[in-house]
Amino acid sequence: MDLVDRYQALYRGALLVAESADDAYRLDALERFLKPWVRGRLDRLRGLLESCDNRRELAEDTRRLASTAAEYSRLRDALFSDVHHTGPEPPWRIVEAEAFAIRAQSGVLLEQPTFVLQRLAAVSDVPGAATWEFTVIGNPSDPGDMGSSFVVMVSTEDHPGGVPVQVAKELESNRSWYQQLEYGFYALGIKPFLPAIYDPDRHRK
């Protein structure tokens, strides 16, 4: 078996790990976010062999492919536990650094929403800004619940005091969701500047 065949076998093994996690830790309304993400990620890593020039790069590429599948499996396990078990309040879980995070709250005692914050791949029409999507899923156990999604514009320029974030008034007026948006950005390593949170008169409205 030559190197190409062995690398493809590794890809198929990584895909098996991801599919096994999908089957073992079913997450209903989150499937439309997680399954496309991991398959896209594995497909991109599958193509790295074409640009691999030496043994060190090969070692790095194979490690990234294997670890992506393993980390995805652990992530699904953690999210499944967040929803179906009791314990400490679940944190925001990082799917992809600086780009994708999920907070799934426990539904054991009462139904609670799940939050998804994801940077979109499409280039923003606004210069100096990136487009994100913030989704609130009211019934995460329902695969058909598409949730409420909001476009979030985030500055890509350097701002030492916090990165300006612009959202729709509907999201800003729902303060519990708005606060979760702030927590999501912090979890991703982004310090956001959300005007309504730092408005000194916000409690008078």
N, C-alpha and C. Protein backbone atom coordinates (compact mmCIF):
# COMPACT_ATOMS: atom_id res chain seq x y z
N MET A 1 0.85 -1.19 0.00
CA MET A 1 0.00 0.00 0.00
C MET A 1 0.89 1.25 0.00
N ASP A 2 0.68 2.12 -0.98
CA ASP A 2 1.52 3.32 -1.06
C ASP A 2 0.98 4.40 -0.12
N LEU A 3 1.71 5.54 -0.06
CA LEU A 3 1.38 6.59 0.89
C LEU A 3 -0.02 7.16 0.66
N VAL A 4 -0.39 7.34 -0.60
CA VAL A 4 -1.71 7.90 -0.91
C VAL A 4 -2.81 7.00 -0.36
N ASP A 5 -2.68 5.71 -0.58
CA ASP A 5 -3.68 4.76 -0.09
C ASP A 5 -3.73 4.76 1.43
N ARG A 6 -2.57 4.84 2.07
CA ARG A 6 -2.53 4.85 3.53
C ARG A 6 -3.18 6.12 4.09
N TYR A 7 -2.94 7.24 3.41
CA TYR A 7 -3.52 8.50 3.87
C TYR A 7 -5.04 8.47 3.71
N GLN A 8 -5.51 7.90 2.61
CA GLN A 8 -6.96 7.78 2.40
C GLN A 8 -7.58 6.83 3.42
N ALA A 9 -6.83 5.80 3.81
CA ALA A 9 -7.31 4.89 4.85
C ALA A 9 -7.43 5.64 6.18
N LEU A 10 -6.47 6.53 6.45
CA LEU A 10 -6.55 7.35 7.66
C LEU A 10 -7.78 8.25 7.62
N TYR A 11 -8.04 8.84 6.45
CA TYR A 11 -9.23 9.69 6.30
C TYR A 11 -10.50 8.89 6.57
N ARG A 12 -10.58 7.69 6.02
CA ARG A 12 -11.78 6.87 6.24
C ARG A 12 -11.91 6.48 7.71
N GLY A 13 -10.77 6.25 8.37
CA GLY A 13 -10.81 5.96 9.80
C GLY A 13 -11.30 7.15 10.60
N ALA A 14 -10.83 8.35 10.25
CA ALA A 14 -11.28 9.57 10.93
C ALA A 14 -12.77 9.79 10.71
N LEU A 15 -13.23 9.52 9.50
CA LEU A 15 -14.65 9.67 9.20
C LEU A 15 -15.48 8.67 10.01
N LEU A 16 -14.96 7.47 10.19
CA LEU A 16 -15.64 6.47 11.01
C LEU A 16 -15.76 6.93 12.45
N VAL A 17 -14.71 7.53 12.98
CA VAL A 17 -14.74 8.07 14.35
C VAL A 17 -15.85 9.12 14.47
N ALA A 18 -15.92 10.03 13.48
CA ALA A 18 -16.93 11.09 13.51
C ALA A 18 -18.34 10.50 13.39
N GLU A 19 -18.52 9.56 12.48
CA GLU A 19 -19.84 8.96 12.29
C GLU A 19 -20.28 8.16 13.51
N SER A 20 -19.33 7.50 14.17
CA SER A 20 -19.65 6.76 15.38
C SER A 20 -20.10 7.70 16.49
N ALA A 21 -19.46 8.86 16.57
CA ALA A 21 -19.85 9.86 17.57
C ALA A 21 -21.23 10.42 17.24
N ASP A 22 -21.51 10.65 15.95
CA ASP A 22 -22.83 11.11 15.54
C ASP A 22 -23.91 10.15 16.00
N ASP A 23 -23.64 8.87 15.86
CA ASP A 23 -24.62 7.85 16.20
C ASP A 23 -24.76 7.66 17.71
N ALA A 24 -23.65 7.76 18.43
CA ALA A 24 -23.67 7.52 19.88
C ALA A 24 -24.22 8.70 20.67
N TYR A 25 -23.93 9.92 20.22
CA TYR A 25 -24.31 11.12 20.96
C TYR A 25 -25.20 11.99 20.07
N ARG A 26 -26.45 11.62 19.96
CA ARG A 26 -27.36 12.32 19.06
C ARG A 26 -27.80 13.65 19.68
N LEU A 27 -27.75 14.69 18.86
CA LEU A 27 -27.98 16.04 19.37
C LEU A 27 -29.09 16.78 18.63
N ASP A 28 -29.91 16.05 17.91
CA ASP A 28 -31.16 16.56 17.35
C ASP A 28 -30.98 17.88 16.59
N ALA A 29 -31.43 18.99 17.17
CA ALA A 29 -31.41 20.27 16.45
C ALA A 29 -30.01 20.77 16.14
N LEU A 30 -28.99 20.23 16.82
CA LEU A 30 -27.62 20.67 16.55
C LEU A 30 -26.97 19.93 15.37
N GLU A 31 -27.63 18.88 14.89
CA GLU A 31 -27.02 18.08 13.82
C GLU A 31 -26.72 18.91 12.58
N ARG A 32 -27.60 19.85 12.25
CA ARG A 32 -27.42 20.64 11.03
C ARG A 32 -26.21 21.58 11.11
N PHE A 33 -25.71 21.79 12.32
CA PHE A 33 -24.50 22.59 12.49
C PHE A 33 -23.26 21.70 12.54
N LEU A 34 -23.33 20.64 13.31
CA LEU A 34 -22.13 19.84 13.59
C LEU A 34 -21.73 18.91 12.45
N LYS A 35 -22.67 18.19 11.86
CA LYS A 35 -22.32 17.22 10.83
C LYS A 35 -21.67 17.87 9.61
N PRO A 36 -22.24 18.95 9.05
CA PRO A 36 -21.57 19.59 7.91
C PRO A 36 -20.20 20.14 8.27
N TRP A 37 -20.07 20.64 9.50
CA TRP A 37 -18.79 21.23 9.91
C TRP A 37 -17.70 20.17 9.92
N VAL A 38 -17.93 19.03 10.59
CA VAL A 38 -16.86 18.04 10.72
C VAL A 38 -16.53 17.40 9.37
N ARG A 39 -17.52 17.20 8.52
CA ARG A 39 -17.23 16.62 7.22
C ARG A 39 -16.45 17.58 6.34
N GLY A 40 -16.80 18.85 6.40
CA GLY A 40 -16.04 19.85 5.66
C GLY A 40 -14.61 19.94 6.15
N ARG A 41 -14.46 19.87 7.46
CA ARG A 41 -13.12 19.94 8.06
C ARG A 41 -12.27 18.74 7.65
N LEU A 42 -12.83 17.54 7.72
CA LEU A 42 -12.09 16.34 7.35
C LEU A 42 -11.77 16.33 5.86
N ASP A 43 -12.67 16.82 5.04
CA ASP A 43 -12.42 16.87 3.59
C ASP A 43 -11.26 17.81 3.28
N ARG A 44 -11.21 18.95 3.99
CA ARG A 44 -10.09 19.88 3.76
C ARG A 44 -8.77 19.25 4.19
N LEU A 45 -8.78 18.57 5.32
CA LEU A 45 -7.55 17.92 5.79
C LEU A 45 -7.16 16.75 4.89
N ARG A 46 -8.13 16.14 4.26
CA ARG A 46 -7.86 15.04 3.33
C ARG A 46 -7.00 15.51 2.17
N GLY A 47 -7.18 16.76 1.76
CA GLY A 47 -6.45 17.29 0.62
C GLY A 47 -5.06 17.81 0.94
N LEU A 48 -4.65 17.78 2.20
CA LEU A 48 -3.34 18.31 2.57
C LEU A 48 -2.18 17.49 2.01
N LEU A 49 -2.43 16.23 1.74
CA LEU A 49 -1.35 15.38 1.25
C LEU A 49 -0.77 15.90 -0.06
N GLU A 50 -1.59 16.54 -0.86
CA GLU A 50 -1.15 17.04 -2.15
C GLU A 50 -0.07 18.11 -2.02
N SER A 51 -0.07 18.84 -0.91
CA SER A 51 0.93 19.90 -0.70
C SER A 51 1.99 19.51 0.32
N CYS A 52 2.02 18.24 0.70
CA CYS A 52 2.98 17.76 1.68
C CYS A 52 4.34 17.54 1.02
N ASP A 53 5.40 18.19 1.55
CA ASP A 53 6.71 18.15 0.91
C ASP A 53 7.75 17.32 1.65
N ASN A 54 7.53 17.02 2.92
CA ASN A 54 8.54 16.28 3.68
C ASN A 54 7.89 15.48 4.81
N ARG A 55 8.71 14.72 5.52
CA ARG A 55 8.19 13.84 6.56
C ARG A 55 7.59 14.61 7.73
N ARG A 56 8.16 15.75 8.05
CA ARG A 56 7.65 16.54 9.16
C ARG A 56 6.24 17.05 8.85
N GLU A 57 6.06 17.54 7.62
CA GLU A 57 4.74 18.00 7.24
C GLU A 57 3.74 16.85 7.22
N LEU A 58 4.17 15.68 6.78
CA LEU A 58 3.31 14.52 6.77
C LEU A 58 2.88 14.16 8.19
N ALA A 59 3.81 14.22 9.13
CA ALA A 59 3.50 13.92 10.53
C ALA A 59 2.46 14.91 11.07
N GLU A 60 2.64 16.19 10.74
CA GLU A 60 1.70 17.20 11.21
C GLU A 60 0.32 17.01 10.61
N ASP A 61 0.27 16.72 9.30
CA ASP A 61 -1.01 16.58 8.62
C ASP A 61 -1.78 15.36 9.11
N THR A 62 -1.08 14.24 9.29
CA THR A 62 -1.77 13.05 9.78
C THR A 62 -2.25 13.25 11.21
N ARG A 63 -1.47 13.96 12.01
CA ARG A 63 -1.88 14.23 13.39
C ARG A 63 -3.13 15.11 13.41
N ARG A 64 -3.17 16.12 12.56
CA ARG A 64 -4.34 17.00 12.51
C ARG A 64 -5.59 16.25 12.08
N LEU A 65 -5.45 15.35 11.13
CA LEU A 65 -6.60 14.58 10.67
C LEU A 65 -7.13 13.67 11.76
N ALA A 66 -6.20 12.98 12.43
CA ALA A 66 -6.62 12.06 13.49
C ALA A 66 -7.19 12.80 14.70
N SER A 67 -6.55 13.91 15.09
CA SER A 67 -6.99 14.63 16.28
C SER A 67 -8.32 15.34 16.06
N THR A 68 -8.58 15.79 14.83
CA THR A 68 -9.86 16.45 14.54
C THR A 68 -11.02 15.51 14.81
N ALA A 69 -10.90 14.27 14.35
CA ALA A 69 -11.96 13.30 14.58
C ALA A 69 -12.11 12.98 16.06
N ALA A 70 -10.99 12.81 16.76
CA ALA A 70 -11.05 12.48 18.18
C ALA A 70 -11.65 13.63 18.99
N GLU A 71 -11.26 14.86 18.68
CA GLU A 71 -11.78 16.02 19.40
C GLU A 71 -13.27 16.21 19.13
N TYR A 72 -13.68 15.93 17.90
CA TYR A 72 -15.10 16.02 17.56
C TYR A 72 -15.92 15.01 18.37
N SER A 73 -15.40 13.81 18.50
CA SER A 73 -16.09 12.79 19.29
C SER A 73 -16.22 13.22 20.76
N ARG A 74 -15.15 13.77 21.31
CA ARG A 74 -15.20 14.24 22.70
C ARG A 74 -16.17 15.42 22.85
N LEU A 75 -16.21 16.30 21.84
CA LEU A 75 -17.11 17.44 21.88
C LEU A 75 -18.57 16.97 21.92
N ARG A 76 -18.91 16.03 21.06
CA ARG A 76 -20.29 15.53 21.04
C ARG A 76 -20.64 14.85 22.36
N ASP A 77 -19.72 14.14 22.92
CA ASP A 77 -19.93 13.49 24.22
C ASP A 77 -20.24 14.55 25.27
N ALA A 78 -19.46 15.64 25.28
CA ALA A 78 -19.64 16.71 26.26
C ALA A 78 -20.99 17.41 26.06
N LEU A 79 -21.34 17.72 24.81
CA LEU A 79 -22.61 18.39 24.54
C LEU A 79 -23.79 17.51 24.91
N PHE A 80 -23.69 16.23 24.63
CA PHE A 80 -24.75 15.29 24.98
C PHE A 80 -24.94 15.27 26.50
N SER A 81 -23.84 15.25 27.23
CA SER A 81 -23.90 15.27 28.68
C SER A 81 -24.49 16.58 29.19
N ASP A 82 -24.12 17.69 28.56
CA ASP A 82 -24.66 19.00 28.95
C ASP A 82 -26.18 19.00 28.92
N VAL A 83 -26.76 18.39 27.87
CA VAL A 83 -28.20 18.41 27.68
C VAL A 83 -28.92 17.39 28.56
N HIS A 84 -28.35 16.21 28.71
CA HIS A 84 -29.08 15.09 29.31
C HIS A 84 -28.72 14.78 30.76
N HIS A 85 -27.71 15.42 31.30
CA HIS A 85 -27.30 15.12 32.67
C HIS A 85 -27.39 16.37 33.55
N THR A 86 -27.42 16.16 34.86
CA THR A 86 -27.35 17.29 35.78
C THR A 86 -25.91 17.44 36.27
N GLY A 87 -25.60 18.62 36.79
CA GLY A 87 -24.25 18.89 37.25
C GLY A 87 -23.97 20.37 37.18
N PRO A 88 -22.69 20.76 37.16
CA PRO A 88 -22.35 22.18 37.04
C PRO A 88 -22.93 22.77 35.75
N GLU A 89 -23.22 24.06 35.79
CA GLU A 89 -23.80 24.71 34.62
C GLU A 89 -22.86 24.56 33.42
N PRO A 90 -23.38 24.05 32.29
CA PRO A 90 -22.52 23.81 31.13
C PRO A 90 -21.91 25.10 30.58
N PRO A 91 -20.66 25.05 30.17
CA PRO A 91 -20.01 26.22 29.58
C PRO A 91 -20.26 26.29 28.08
N TRP A 92 -19.78 27.32 27.45
CA TRP A 92 -19.71 27.36 25.99
C TRP A 92 -18.64 26.36 25.56
N ARG A 93 -18.97 25.51 24.61
CA ARG A 93 -18.03 24.52 24.07
C ARG A 93 -17.47 25.03 22.74
N ILE A 94 -16.16 24.97 22.59
CA ILE A 94 -15.52 25.44 21.37
C ILE A 94 -15.51 24.33 20.33
N VAL A 95 -16.11 24.61 19.19
CA VAL A 95 -16.08 23.68 18.06
C VAL A 95 -14.86 24.00 17.20
N GLU A 96 -14.67 25.27 16.89
CA GLU A 96 -13.52 25.72 16.11
C GLU A 96 -13.01 27.02 16.71
N ALA A 97 -11.73 27.09 16.97
CA ALA A 97 -11.14 28.27 17.62
C ALA A 97 -11.46 29.54 16.86
N GLU A 98 -11.93 30.55 17.58
CA GLU A 98 -12.21 31.89 17.06
C GLU A 98 -13.27 31.89 15.96
N ALA A 99 -14.07 30.81 15.85
CA ALA A 99 -15.02 30.77 14.75
C ALA A 99 -16.36 30.09 15.06
N PHE A 100 -16.42 29.19 16.04
CA PHE A 100 -17.64 28.39 16.19
C PHE A 100 -17.71 27.86 17.62
N ALA A 101 -18.81 28.16 18.31
CA ALA A 101 -19.00 27.68 19.67
C ALA A 101 -20.48 27.40 19.93
N ILE A 102 -20.74 26.50 20.88
CA ILE A 102 -22.11 26.09 21.21
C ILE A 102 -22.26 26.05 22.73
N ARG A 103 -23.40 26.54 23.21
CA ARG A 103 -23.74 26.34 24.62
C ARG A 103 -25.06 25.59 24.69
N ALA A 104 -25.00 24.35 25.14
CA ALA A 104 -26.18 23.50 25.29
C ALA A 104 -26.48 23.38 26.78
N GLN A 105 -27.64 23.88 27.20
CA GLN A 105 -28.01 23.85 28.61
C GLN A 105 -28.78 22.58 28.95
N SER A 106 -28.73 22.20 30.21
CA SER A 106 -29.41 20.98 30.65
C SER A 106 -30.91 21.10 30.49
N GLY A 107 -31.51 20.03 29.96
CA GLY A 107 -32.96 19.97 29.82
C GLY A 107 -33.60 18.97 30.75
N VAL A 108 -32.88 18.57 31.80
CA VAL A 108 -33.38 17.54 32.72
C VAL A 108 -34.57 18.06 33.53
N LEU A 109 -34.45 19.25 34.12
CA LEU A 109 -35.50 19.78 34.99
C LEU A 109 -36.46 20.70 34.26
N LEU A 110 -35.99 21.41 33.24
CA LEU A 110 -36.83 22.29 32.47
C LEU A 110 -36.22 22.49 31.09
N GLU A 111 -37.08 22.84 30.15
CA GLU A 111 -36.61 23.06 28.79
C GLU A 111 -35.87 24.39 28.71
N GLN A 112 -34.65 24.36 28.21
CA GLN A 112 -33.84 25.56 28.09
C GLN A 112 -33.26 25.66 26.67
N PRO A 113 -33.03 26.87 26.21
CA PRO A 113 -32.51 27.02 24.85
C PRO A 113 -31.05 26.63 24.72
N THR A 114 -30.66 26.29 23.52
CA THR A 114 -29.27 26.06 23.15
C THR A 114 -28.84 27.22 22.26
N PHE A 115 -27.60 27.67 22.43
CA PHE A 115 -27.08 28.81 21.69
C PHE A 115 -25.93 28.37 20.77
N VAL A 116 -25.94 28.91 19.56
CA VAL A 116 -24.89 28.60 18.58
C VAL A 116 -24.35 29.92 18.03
N LEU A 117 -23.04 30.07 18.07
CA LEU A 117 -22.38 31.27 17.53
C LEU A 117 -21.34 30.81 16.53
N GLN A 118 -21.50 31.25 15.27
CA GLN A 118 -20.63 30.74 14.20
C GLN A 118 -20.29 31.85 13.21
N ARG A 119 -19.00 31.93 12.91
CA ARG A 119 -18.57 32.87 11.88
C ARG A 119 -18.87 32.27 10.52
N LEU A 120 -19.48 33.07 9.64
CA LEU A 120 -19.85 32.58 8.33
C LEU A 120 -18.68 32.71 7.37
N ALA A 121 -18.59 31.75 6.45
CA ALA A 121 -17.46 31.72 5.53
C ALA A 121 -17.56 32.80 4.46
N ALA A 122 -18.77 33.23 4.16
CA ALA A 122 -18.95 34.23 3.11
C ALA A 122 -18.29 35.56 3.49
N VAL A 123 -17.71 36.22 2.51
CA VAL A 123 -17.06 37.51 2.74
C VAL A 123 -18.13 38.57 2.98
N SER A 124 -17.94 39.38 4.01
CA SER A 124 -18.91 40.41 4.35
C SER A 124 -18.91 41.52 3.29
N ASP A 125 -20.10 42.07 3.05
CA ASP A 125 -20.23 43.21 2.14
C ASP A 125 -19.81 44.51 2.81
N VAL A 126 -19.63 44.46 4.13
CA VAL A 126 -19.24 45.65 4.88
C VAL A 126 -17.72 45.64 5.07
N PRO A 127 -17.01 46.63 4.53
CA PRO A 127 -15.55 46.66 4.69
C PRO A 127 -15.14 46.70 6.16
N GLY A 128 -14.13 45.91 6.51
CA GLY A 128 -13.63 45.90 7.88
C GLY A 128 -14.51 45.17 8.87
N ALA A 129 -15.41 44.31 8.37
CA ALA A 129 -16.30 43.57 9.27
C ALA A 129 -16.47 42.14 8.79
N ALA A 130 -16.70 41.25 9.75
CA ALA A 130 -16.98 39.84 9.46
C ALA A 130 -18.42 39.53 9.84
N THR A 131 -19.04 38.62 9.09
CA THR A 131 -20.42 38.25 9.35
C THR A 131 -20.47 36.98 10.19
N TRP A 132 -21.21 37.06 11.28
CA TRP A 132 -21.43 35.92 12.16
C TRP A 132 -22.93 35.63 12.21
N GLU A 133 -23.26 34.44 12.70
CA GLU A 133 -24.65 34.08 12.91
C GLU A 133 -24.82 33.58 14.34
N PHE A 134 -25.80 34.14 15.04
CA PHE A 134 -26.12 33.73 16.40
C PHE A 134 -27.50 33.09 16.37
N THR A 135 -27.58 31.82 16.76
CA THR A 135 -28.84 31.08 16.68
C THR A 135 -29.27 30.64 18.07
N VAL A 136 -30.54 30.86 18.36
CA VAL A 136 -31.14 30.44 19.63
C VAL A 136 -32.16 29.35 19.31
N ILE A 137 -31.92 28.14 19.81
CA ILE A 137 -32.81 27.01 19.55
C ILE A 137 -33.65 26.77 20.80
N GLY A 138 -34.96 27.02 20.69
CA GLY A 138 -35.83 26.93 21.85
C GLY A 138 -36.07 25.50 22.32
N ASN A 139 -36.15 24.57 21.37
CA ASN A 139 -36.38 23.17 21.72
C ASN A 139 -35.31 22.31 21.07
N PRO A 140 -34.14 22.22 21.69
CA PRO A 140 -33.01 21.52 21.07
C PRO A 140 -33.23 20.03 20.88
N SER A 141 -34.24 19.44 21.54
CA SER A 141 -34.51 18.02 21.35
C SER A 141 -35.35 17.74 20.11
N ASP A 142 -35.80 18.81 19.44
CA ASP A 142 -36.59 18.68 18.21
C ASP A 142 -35.69 18.91 17.00
N PRO A 143 -35.44 17.87 16.19
CA PRO A 143 -34.57 18.04 15.02
C PRO A 143 -35.09 19.08 14.02
N GLY A 144 -36.40 19.33 14.07
CA GLY A 144 -36.99 20.28 13.14
C GLY A 144 -36.98 21.71 13.62
N ASP A 145 -36.52 21.95 14.84
CA ASP A 145 -36.47 23.32 15.37
C ASP A 145 -35.29 24.06 14.75
N MET A 146 -35.59 25.00 13.88
CA MET A 146 -34.55 25.76 13.19
C MET A 146 -34.07 26.94 14.02
N GLY A 147 -34.79 27.24 15.10
CA GLY A 147 -34.36 28.30 15.99
C GLY A 147 -34.58 29.69 15.42
N SER A 148 -34.13 30.67 16.16
CA SER A 148 -34.16 32.07 15.74
C SER A 148 -32.72 32.49 15.47
N SER A 149 -32.45 32.90 14.25
CA SER A 149 -31.09 33.26 13.85
C SER A 149 -30.96 34.76 13.62
N PHE A 150 -29.82 35.29 14.03
CA PHE A 150 -29.56 36.72 13.91
C PHE A 150 -28.20 36.93 13.26
N VAL A 151 -28.16 37.85 12.32
CA VAL A 151 -26.88 38.23 11.70
C VAL A 151 -26.17 39.19 12.65
N VAL A 152 -24.90 38.92 12.89
CA VAL A 152 -24.08 39.73 13.79
C VAL A 152 -22.86 40.21 13.03
N MET A 153 -22.65 41.51 13.00
CA MET A 153 -21.49 42.09 12.31
C MET A 153 -20.41 42.42 13.33
N VAL A 154 -19.22 41.90 13.07
CA VAL A 154 -18.10 42.06 14.01
C VAL A 154 -16.93 42.73 13.30
N SER A 155 -16.42 43.78 13.89
CA SER A 155 -15.28 44.48 13.29
C SER A 155 -14.06 43.57 13.22
N THR A 156 -13.33 43.65 12.11
CA THR A 156 -12.10 42.88 11.95
C THR A 156 -10.87 43.75 12.16
N GLU A 157 -11.08 45.01 12.53
CA GLU A 157 -9.97 45.93 12.75
C GLU A 157 -9.52 45.85 14.21
N ASP A 158 -8.35 46.36 14.49
CA ASP A 158 -7.78 46.29 15.84
C ASP A 158 -8.44 47.32 16.75
N HIS A 159 -9.01 46.82 17.86
CA HIS A 159 -9.68 47.69 18.83
C HIS A 159 -9.23 47.26 20.23
N PRO A 160 -8.29 47.96 20.83
CA PRO A 160 -7.76 47.55 22.14
C PRO A 160 -8.82 47.48 23.24
N GLY A 161 -9.84 48.34 23.16
CA GLY A 161 -10.86 48.37 24.21
C GLY A 161 -12.00 47.40 24.02
N GLY A 162 -11.97 46.60 22.99
CA GLY A 162 -13.06 45.67 22.71
C GLY A 162 -13.50 45.79 21.27
N VAL A 163 -13.85 44.68 20.66
CA VAL A 163 -14.23 44.65 19.25
C VAL A 163 -15.70 45.05 19.11
N PRO A 164 -16.00 46.11 18.35
CA PRO A 164 -17.40 46.52 18.16
C PRO A 164 -18.22 45.42 17.49
N VAL A 165 -19.41 45.18 18.06
CA VAL A 165 -20.33 44.18 17.55
C VAL A 165 -21.68 44.84 17.30
N GLN A 166 -22.23 44.65 16.13
CA GLN A 166 -23.52 45.24 15.77
C GLN A 166 -24.54 44.14 15.57
N VAL A 167 -25.71 44.29 16.23
CA VAL A 167 -26.76 43.28 16.13
C VAL A 167 -28.10 43.96 15.84
N ALA A 168 -29.09 43.13 15.50
CA ALA A 168 -30.44 43.64 15.27
C ALA A 168 -31.07 44.08 16.59
N LYS A 169 -31.98 45.04 16.53
CA LYS A 169 -32.65 45.53 17.73
C LYS A 169 -33.41 44.41 18.45
N GLU A 170 -33.96 43.47 17.68
CA GLU A 170 -34.70 42.36 18.28
C GLU A 170 -33.81 41.55 19.23
N LEU A 171 -32.58 41.31 18.82
CA LEU A 171 -31.66 40.57 19.67
C LEU A 171 -31.21 41.42 20.85
N GLU A 172 -30.94 42.69 20.60
CA GLU A 172 -30.50 43.58 21.67
C GLU A 172 -31.56 43.71 22.76
N SER A 173 -32.83 43.67 22.37
CA SER A 173 -33.91 43.84 23.35
C SER A 173 -34.13 42.61 24.21
N ASN A 174 -33.68 41.43 23.73
CA ASN A 174 -33.78 40.23 24.55
C ASN A 174 -32.47 40.10 25.33
N ARG A 175 -32.44 40.62 26.55
CA ARG A 175 -31.19 40.78 27.26
C ARG A 175 -30.53 39.45 27.64
N SER A 176 -31.32 38.42 27.92
CA SER A 176 -30.71 37.14 28.28
C SER A 176 -29.99 36.54 27.08
N TRP A 177 -30.56 36.65 25.88
CA TRP A 177 -29.88 36.17 24.68
C TRP A 177 -28.66 37.04 24.37
N TYR A 178 -28.86 38.33 24.54
CA TYR A 178 -27.78 39.29 24.25
C TYR A 178 -26.57 39.02 25.14
N GLN A 179 -26.84 38.69 26.40
CA GLN A 179 -25.75 38.39 27.31
C GLN A 179 -25.05 37.09 26.92
N GLN A 180 -25.81 36.10 26.46
CA GLN A 180 -25.21 34.86 26.01
C GLN A 180 -24.31 35.10 24.79
N LEU A 181 -24.71 36.03 23.95
CA LEU A 181 -23.86 36.39 22.80
C LEU A 181 -22.51 36.91 23.30
N GLU A 182 -22.53 37.75 24.31
CA GLU A 182 -21.29 38.25 24.88
C GLU A 182 -20.43 37.11 25.42
N TYR A 183 -21.06 36.20 26.18
CA TYR A 183 -20.33 35.08 26.74
C TYR A 183 -19.73 34.20 25.64
N GLY A 184 -20.48 34.03 24.55
CA GLY A 184 -19.98 33.22 23.44
C GLY A 184 -18.72 33.80 22.82
N PHE A 185 -18.71 35.10 22.63
CA PHE A 185 -17.52 35.73 22.06
C PHE A 185 -16.32 35.62 23.00
N TYR A 186 -16.56 35.84 24.28
CA TYR A 186 -15.46 35.70 25.24
C TYR A 186 -14.90 34.28 25.23
N ALA A 187 -15.79 33.28 25.13
CA ALA A 187 -15.33 31.89 25.09
C ALA A 187 -14.44 31.63 23.88
N LEU A 188 -14.70 32.34 22.79
CA LEU A 188 -13.91 32.19 21.57
C LEU A 188 -12.64 33.05 21.58
N GLY A 189 -12.40 33.74 22.68
CA GLY A 189 -11.19 34.55 22.77
C GLY A 189 -11.33 35.93 22.15
N ILE A 190 -12.56 36.37 21.94
CA ILE A 190 -12.83 37.67 21.34
C ILE A 190 -13.48 38.56 22.40
N LYS A 191 -12.88 39.70 22.68
CA LYS A 191 -13.46 40.63 23.65
C LYS A 191 -14.41 41.57 22.91
N PRO A 192 -15.72 41.37 23.08
CA PRO A 192 -16.66 42.18 22.30
C PRO A 192 -17.02 43.50 22.99
N PHE A 193 -17.38 44.48 22.20
CA PHE A 193 -17.98 45.70 22.73
C PHE A 193 -19.42 45.72 22.26
N LEU A 194 -20.34 45.43 23.18
CA LEU A 194 -21.76 45.39 22.89
C LEU A 194 -22.41 46.61 23.54
N PRO A 195 -22.84 47.58 22.76
CA PRO A 195 -23.29 48.87 23.30
C PRO A 195 -24.35 48.77 24.40
N ALA A 196 -25.33 47.87 24.26
CA ALA A 196 -26.40 47.80 25.25
C ALA A 196 -25.89 47.33 26.61
N ILE A 197 -24.86 46.51 26.63
CA ILE A 197 -24.31 46.03 27.89
C ILE A 197 -23.56 47.13 28.61
N TYR A 198 -22.90 47.99 27.85
CA TYR A 198 -22.11 49.06 28.46
C TYR A 198 -22.85 50.39 28.51
N ASP A 199 -24.15 50.39 28.21
CA ASP A 199 -24.99 51.58 28.28
C ASP A 199 -25.35 51.83 29.76
N PRO A 200 -24.95 52.93 30.34
CA PRO A 200 -25.22 53.16 31.77
C PRO A 200 -26.71 53.28 32.09
N ASP A 201 -27.54 53.56 31.09
CA ASP A 201 -28.99 53.72 31.32
C ASP A 201 -29.77 52.48 30.91
N ARG A 202 -29.10 51.36 30.72
CA ARG A 202 -29.77 50.19 30.16
C ARG A 202 -30.87 49.66 31.08
N HIS A 203 -30.73 49.80 32.41
CA HIS A 203 -31.73 49.25 33.34
C HIS A 203 -32.99 50.13 33.42
N ARG A 204 -32.93 51.31 32.85
CA ARG A 204 -34.08 52.22 32.91
C ARG A 204 -35.03 52.01 31.76
N LYS A 205 -34.62 51.18 30.80
CA LYS A 205 -35.46 51.01 29.61
C LYS A 205 -36.55 49.97 29.87
